[in-house]
Amino acid sequence: MLFEPSEETPGTKRVITEGGLPELTGEAAERASAREIRRRILIEGDDVLTRLRSDEIITEAQVDTAIVSPRQVDSGQVHAAEAALNRLRNVTDAAWWNARKSHAAGEILAEMMANPEDQP
């Protein structure tokens, strides 16, 4: 086969997610717990963005096929989610991450997309 699928392991996802992230700020204990929370949320956020991109492709294909996307997604929504995820990657306040330990990435991204001016 010309292109072999790569196996994405949890370790690989962690390394890819953490690459290029700014250091967290705050007390040492806060930073330790925030690192895990940030990692989880950013990995989930990447998965959310992948689903949105897939839904956008299916939505666009509806014109030429009988396939109907259960979630209608346009390029504007994908771009807004990309921008929100990029802003999320640059949040350095450990207390901010710790306060969101029970939040899902989709919730945080939706909030950031709805209120881009109210960013941490």
N, C-alpha and C. Protein backbone atom coordinates (compact mmCIF):
# COMPACT_ATOMS: atom_id res chain seq x y z
N MET A 1 0.85 -1.18 0.00
CA MET A 1 0.00 0.00 0.00
C MET A 1 0.90 1.24 0.00
N LEU A 2 0.54 2.22 -0.78
CA LEU A 2 1.34 3.43 -0.91
C LEU A 2 1.38 4.22 0.39
N PHE A 3 0.24 4.40 1.01
CA PHE A 3 0.18 5.14 2.26
C PHE A 3 -0.29 4.23 3.37
N GLU A 4 0.56 3.99 4.30
CA GLU A 4 0.22 3.17 5.46
C GLU A 4 -0.37 4.07 6.53
N PRO A 5 -1.48 3.67 7.14
CA PRO A 5 -2.04 4.49 8.21
C PRO A 5 -1.10 4.49 9.41
N SER A 6 -0.97 5.62 10.03
CA SER A 6 -0.13 5.69 11.23
C SER A 6 -0.99 5.40 12.44
N GLU A 7 -0.43 4.68 13.35
CA GLU A 7 -1.15 4.37 14.59
C GLU A 7 -0.95 5.51 15.56
N GLU A 8 -2.03 6.14 15.95
CA GLU A 8 -1.96 7.25 16.89
C GLU A 8 -2.18 6.71 18.29
N THR A 9 -1.13 6.73 19.08
CA THR A 9 -1.23 6.23 20.45
C THR A 9 -1.46 7.39 21.40
N PRO A 10 -1.89 7.11 22.62
CA PRO A 10 -2.02 8.19 23.60
C PRO A 10 -0.71 8.96 23.81
N GLY A 11 0.41 8.24 23.78
CA GLY A 11 1.71 8.90 23.94
C GLY A 11 2.02 9.83 22.78
N THR A 12 1.70 9.39 21.58
CA THR A 12 1.92 10.23 20.40
C THR A 12 1.05 11.48 20.47
N LYS A 13 -0.21 11.31 20.84
CA LYS A 13 -1.10 12.46 20.97
C LYS A 13 -0.57 13.45 21.99
N ARG A 14 -0.05 12.95 23.11
CA ARG A 14 0.50 13.84 24.14
C ARG A 14 1.65 14.66 23.59
N VAL A 15 2.59 14.00 22.91
CA VAL A 15 3.77 14.68 22.38
C VAL A 15 3.36 15.73 21.35
N ILE A 16 2.46 15.37 20.46
CA ILE A 16 2.01 16.30 19.43
C ILE A 16 1.28 17.47 20.07
N THR A 17 0.44 17.21 21.04
CA THR A 17 -0.35 18.26 21.69
C THR A 17 0.53 19.24 22.45
N GLU A 18 1.54 18.75 23.12
CA GLU A 18 2.36 19.61 23.97
C GLU A 18 3.44 20.36 23.21
N GLY A 19 3.72 19.97 21.99
CA GLY A 19 4.77 20.62 21.21
C GLY A 19 4.48 22.11 21.00
N GLY A 20 5.41 22.95 21.42
CA GLY A 20 5.30 24.38 21.19
C GLY A 20 4.39 25.14 22.15
N LEU A 21 3.87 24.46 23.16
CA LEU A 21 3.00 25.16 24.11
C LEU A 21 3.83 26.07 25.02
N PRO A 22 3.28 27.22 25.37
CA PRO A 22 3.99 28.09 26.32
C PRO A 22 3.95 27.49 27.72
N GLU A 23 4.93 27.88 28.53
CA GLU A 23 4.97 27.42 29.92
C GLU A 23 3.78 27.97 30.68
N LEU A 24 3.28 27.18 31.61
CA LEU A 24 2.20 27.63 32.48
C LEU A 24 2.75 28.57 33.55
N THR A 25 1.91 29.49 33.97
CA THR A 25 2.27 30.41 35.05
C THR A 25 1.42 30.12 36.27
N GLY A 26 1.95 30.46 37.44
CA GLY A 26 1.23 30.23 38.69
C GLY A 26 2.09 29.47 39.67
N GLU A 27 1.50 29.09 40.78
CA GLU A 27 2.21 28.33 41.82
C GLU A 27 2.59 26.95 41.28
N ALA A 28 3.67 26.40 41.81
CA ALA A 28 4.17 25.10 41.34
C ALA A 28 3.11 24.00 41.41
N ALA A 29 2.37 23.93 42.51
CA ALA A 29 1.33 22.91 42.65
C ALA A 29 0.22 23.11 41.62
N GLU A 30 -0.15 24.35 41.37
CA GLU A 30 -1.18 24.64 40.36
C GLU A 30 -0.70 24.21 38.97
N ARG A 31 0.55 24.50 38.67
CA ARG A 31 1.08 24.19 37.34
C ARG A 31 1.08 22.68 37.09
N ALA A 32 1.42 21.90 38.10
CA ALA A 32 1.47 20.44 37.93
C ALA A 32 0.10 19.87 37.55
N SER A 33 -0.93 20.27 38.28
CA SER A 33 -2.27 19.76 37.96
C SER A 33 -2.79 20.35 36.66
N ALA A 34 -2.47 21.61 36.40
CA ALA A 34 -2.95 22.27 35.18
C ALA A 34 -2.37 21.64 33.92
N ARG A 35 -1.15 21.13 34.00
CA ARG A 35 -0.53 20.49 32.83
C ARG A 35 -1.38 19.32 32.34
N GLU A 36 -1.83 18.49 33.26
CA GLU A 36 -2.66 17.33 32.90
C GLU A 36 -4.01 17.77 32.34
N ILE A 37 -4.60 18.77 32.97
CA ILE A 37 -5.90 19.27 32.51
C ILE A 37 -5.77 19.88 31.12
N ARG A 38 -4.74 20.71 30.93
CA ARG A 38 -4.51 21.34 29.62
C ARG A 38 -4.29 20.27 28.56
N ARG A 39 -3.49 19.27 28.87
CA ARG A 39 -3.21 18.20 27.90
C ARG A 39 -4.51 17.51 27.49
N ARG A 40 -5.33 17.13 28.48
CA ARG A 40 -6.59 16.43 28.18
C ARG A 40 -7.50 17.29 27.31
N ILE A 41 -7.66 18.55 27.70
CA ILE A 41 -8.57 19.43 26.98
C ILE A 41 -8.06 19.70 25.56
N LEU A 42 -6.76 19.89 25.39
CA LEU A 42 -6.24 20.15 24.04
C LEU A 42 -6.33 18.92 23.15
N ILE A 43 -6.13 17.73 23.71
CA ILE A 43 -6.30 16.51 22.91
C ILE A 43 -7.76 16.38 22.49
N GLU A 44 -8.68 16.62 23.42
CA GLU A 44 -10.12 16.60 23.09
C GLU A 44 -10.43 17.67 22.05
N GLY A 45 -9.84 18.84 22.20
CA GLY A 45 -10.07 19.94 21.26
C GLY A 45 -9.63 19.59 19.86
N ASP A 46 -8.50 18.90 19.74
CA ASP A 46 -8.05 18.45 18.41
C ASP A 46 -9.05 17.47 17.81
N ASP A 47 -9.59 16.59 18.66
CA ASP A 47 -10.60 15.63 18.18
C ASP A 47 -11.88 16.35 17.74
N VAL A 48 -12.29 17.36 18.49
CA VAL A 48 -13.48 18.16 18.12
C VAL A 48 -13.26 18.81 16.76
N LEU A 49 -12.09 19.39 16.56
CA LEU A 49 -11.79 20.05 15.30
C LEU A 49 -11.76 19.06 14.14
N THR A 50 -11.23 17.87 14.38
CA THR A 50 -11.23 16.83 13.34
C THR A 50 -12.65 16.46 12.95
N ARG A 51 -13.54 16.31 13.95
CA ARG A 51 -14.94 15.99 13.65
C ARG A 51 -15.61 17.13 12.87
N LEU A 52 -15.32 18.37 13.26
CA LEU A 52 -15.91 19.50 12.54
C LEU A 52 -15.46 19.52 11.08
N ARG A 53 -14.18 19.28 10.85
CA ARG A 53 -13.66 19.25 9.47
C ARG A 53 -14.33 18.14 8.67
N SER A 54 -14.50 16.98 9.28
CA SER A 54 -15.16 15.87 8.61
C SER A 54 -16.61 16.22 8.30
N ASP A 55 -17.30 16.81 9.26
CA ASP A 55 -18.69 17.21 9.04
C ASP A 55 -18.80 18.28 7.96
N GLU A 56 -17.82 19.16 7.87
CA GLU A 56 -17.82 20.18 6.81
C GLU A 56 -17.72 19.51 5.44
N ILE A 57 -16.84 18.53 5.33
CA ILE A 57 -16.67 17.82 4.05
C ILE A 57 -17.96 17.10 3.67
N ILE A 58 -18.59 16.45 4.64
CA ILE A 58 -19.85 15.74 4.36
C ILE A 58 -20.95 16.74 4.00
N THR A 59 -20.99 17.86 4.69
CA THR A 59 -21.99 18.89 4.40
C THR A 59 -21.83 19.40 2.97
N GLU A 60 -20.58 19.65 2.56
CA GLU A 60 -20.33 20.12 1.20
C GLU A 60 -20.67 19.07 0.15
N ALA A 61 -20.46 17.79 0.50
CA ALA A 61 -20.72 16.70 -0.45
C ALA A 61 -22.21 16.46 -0.66
N GLN A 62 -23.06 17.00 0.20
CA GLN A 62 -24.50 16.80 0.06
C GLN A 62 -25.02 17.29 -1.28
N VAL A 63 -24.35 18.27 -1.86
CA VAL A 63 -24.78 18.83 -3.13
C VAL A 63 -24.72 17.77 -4.23
N ASP A 64 -23.70 16.91 -4.18
CA ASP A 64 -23.48 15.94 -5.25
C ASP A 64 -23.86 14.51 -4.90
N THR A 65 -24.21 14.27 -3.64
CA THR A 65 -24.50 12.90 -3.23
C THR A 65 -25.80 12.84 -2.43
N ALA A 66 -26.19 11.64 -2.08
CA ALA A 66 -27.39 11.46 -1.27
C ALA A 66 -27.04 11.44 0.22
N ILE A 67 -25.76 11.64 0.53
CA ILE A 67 -25.33 11.63 1.92
C ILE A 67 -25.77 12.94 2.58
N VAL A 68 -26.34 12.81 3.76
CA VAL A 68 -26.75 13.99 4.52
C VAL A 68 -26.01 13.98 5.85
N SER A 69 -25.31 15.06 6.11
CA SER A 69 -24.56 15.16 7.36
C SER A 69 -25.53 15.39 8.52
N PRO A 70 -25.37 14.66 9.60
CA PRO A 70 -26.24 14.88 10.76
C PRO A 70 -25.97 16.25 11.41
N ARG A 71 -24.76 16.77 11.19
CA ARG A 71 -24.39 18.09 11.71
C ARG A 71 -23.97 18.94 10.53
N GLN A 72 -24.73 19.98 10.27
CA GLN A 72 -24.42 20.88 9.16
C GLN A 72 -23.33 21.85 9.60
N VAL A 73 -22.16 21.76 8.98
CA VAL A 73 -21.01 22.57 9.36
C VAL A 73 -20.48 23.27 8.13
N ASP A 74 -20.21 24.58 8.27
CA ASP A 74 -19.64 25.32 7.14
C ASP A 74 -18.21 25.75 7.47
N SER A 75 -17.52 26.27 6.47
CA SER A 75 -16.12 26.62 6.65
C SER A 75 -15.93 27.72 7.69
N GLY A 76 -16.89 28.62 7.83
CA GLY A 76 -16.80 29.67 8.84
C GLY A 76 -16.75 29.10 10.25
N GLN A 77 -17.55 28.06 10.49
CA GLN A 77 -17.55 27.42 11.80
C GLN A 77 -16.22 26.71 12.06
N VAL A 78 -15.69 26.06 11.03
CA VAL A 78 -14.40 25.38 11.17
C VAL A 78 -13.30 26.39 11.47
N HIS A 79 -13.29 27.50 10.75
CA HIS A 79 -12.26 28.53 10.97
C HIS A 79 -12.39 29.14 12.37
N ALA A 80 -13.61 29.36 12.82
CA ALA A 80 -13.81 29.90 14.17
C ALA A 80 -13.32 28.93 15.23
N ALA A 81 -13.56 27.64 15.02
CA ALA A 81 -13.08 26.63 15.97
C ALA A 81 -11.55 26.55 15.95
N GLU A 82 -10.95 26.65 14.77
CA GLU A 82 -9.49 26.65 14.68
C GLU A 82 -8.90 27.83 15.44
N ALA A 83 -9.50 29.01 15.26
CA ALA A 83 -9.01 30.21 15.95
C ALA A 83 -9.17 30.06 17.46
N ALA A 84 -10.30 29.52 17.89
CA ALA A 84 -10.53 29.32 19.33
C ALA A 84 -9.52 28.33 19.90
N LEU A 85 -9.25 27.25 19.18
CA LEU A 85 -8.29 26.27 19.66
C LEU A 85 -6.89 26.87 19.74
N ASN A 86 -6.54 27.70 18.77
CA ASN A 86 -5.24 28.37 18.82
C ASN A 86 -5.14 29.31 20.01
N ARG A 87 -6.21 30.04 20.30
CA ARG A 87 -6.20 30.91 21.49
C ARG A 87 -6.10 30.06 22.76
N LEU A 88 -6.80 28.94 22.78
CA LEU A 88 -6.78 28.05 23.93
C LEU A 88 -5.37 27.52 24.19
N ARG A 89 -4.64 27.20 23.14
CA ARG A 89 -3.27 26.70 23.28
C ARG A 89 -2.36 27.73 23.95
N ASN A 90 -2.71 29.00 23.85
CA ASN A 90 -1.85 30.06 24.39
C ASN A 90 -2.25 30.54 25.78
N VAL A 91 -3.24 29.90 26.38
CA VAL A 91 -3.62 30.25 27.76
C VAL A 91 -2.55 29.68 28.68
N THR A 92 -1.90 30.55 29.45
CA THR A 92 -0.80 30.12 30.32
C THR A 92 -1.15 30.11 31.80
N ASP A 93 -2.28 30.64 32.18
CA ASP A 93 -2.65 30.75 33.60
C ASP A 93 -3.09 29.39 34.14
N ALA A 94 -2.27 28.81 35.02
CA ALA A 94 -2.58 27.49 35.58
C ALA A 94 -3.91 27.49 36.32
N ALA A 95 -4.22 28.56 37.02
CA ALA A 95 -5.49 28.63 37.76
C ALA A 95 -6.67 28.57 36.80
N TRP A 96 -6.54 29.18 35.63
CA TRP A 96 -7.61 29.15 34.62
C TRP A 96 -7.88 27.70 34.20
N TRP A 97 -6.81 26.96 33.92
CA TRP A 97 -6.97 25.55 33.52
C TRP A 97 -7.57 24.73 34.65
N ASN A 98 -7.07 24.94 35.86
CA ASN A 98 -7.58 24.16 37.01
C ASN A 98 -9.06 24.43 37.25
N ALA A 99 -9.50 25.64 37.01
CA ALA A 99 -10.92 25.98 37.19
C ALA A 99 -11.80 25.26 36.17
N ARG A 100 -11.23 24.77 35.11
CA ARG A 100 -11.99 24.10 34.04
C ARG A 100 -11.73 22.59 34.00
N LYS A 101 -11.28 22.03 35.11
CA LYS A 101 -10.92 20.61 35.11
C LYS A 101 -12.09 19.69 34.79
N SER A 102 -13.31 20.10 35.06
CA SER A 102 -14.46 19.23 34.78
C SER A 102 -15.15 19.60 33.47
N HIS A 103 -14.61 20.55 32.73
CA HIS A 103 -15.21 20.97 31.46
C HIS A 103 -14.71 20.09 30.31
N ALA A 104 -15.56 19.93 29.33
CA ALA A 104 -15.17 19.25 28.10
C ALA A 104 -14.62 20.29 27.13
N ALA A 105 -13.75 19.86 26.25
CA ALA A 105 -13.15 20.77 25.28
C ALA A 105 -14.21 21.44 24.41
N GLY A 106 -15.24 20.69 24.03
CA GLY A 106 -16.30 21.26 23.20
C GLY A 106 -16.99 22.43 23.87
N GLU A 107 -17.19 22.33 25.18
CA GLU A 107 -17.81 23.43 25.93
C GLU A 107 -16.92 24.68 25.90
N ILE A 108 -15.64 24.47 26.16
CA ILE A 108 -14.71 25.60 26.22
C ILE A 108 -14.57 26.23 24.84
N LEU A 109 -14.45 25.42 23.81
CA LEU A 109 -14.32 25.96 22.45
C LEU A 109 -15.58 26.71 22.04
N ALA A 110 -16.74 26.17 22.36
CA ALA A 110 -18.00 26.85 22.02
C ALA A 110 -18.07 28.21 22.71
N GLU A 111 -17.66 28.26 23.97
CA GLU A 111 -17.66 29.53 24.70
C GLU A 111 -16.68 30.53 24.07
N MET A 112 -15.51 30.04 23.69
CA MET A 112 -14.51 30.91 23.08
C MET A 112 -14.96 31.38 21.69
N MET A 113 -15.68 30.54 20.97
CA MET A 113 -16.19 30.92 19.65
C MET A 113 -17.29 31.96 19.78
N ALA A 114 -18.13 31.82 20.82
CA ALA A 114 -19.24 32.72 21.01
C ALA A 114 -18.79 34.09 21.54
N ASN A 115 -17.72 34.09 22.33
CA ASN A 115 -17.23 35.33 22.95
C ASN A 115 -15.73 35.48 22.72
N PRO A 116 -15.29 35.70 21.49
CA PRO A 116 -13.85 35.77 21.23
C PRO A 116 -13.15 36.94 21.92
N GLU A 117 -13.91 37.97 22.26
CA GLU A 117 -13.30 39.14 22.91
C GLU A 117 -13.09 38.93 24.41
N ASP A 118 -13.72 37.93 24.99
CA ASP A 118 -13.61 37.67 26.43
C ASP A 118 -12.61 36.55 26.72
N GLN A 119 -11.45 36.63 26.13
CA GLN A 119 -10.48 35.56 26.29
C GLN A 119 -9.53 35.84 27.45
N PRO A 120 -9.08 34.76 28.08
CA PRO A 120 -8.15 34.91 29.21
C PRO A 120 -6.80 35.43 28.76
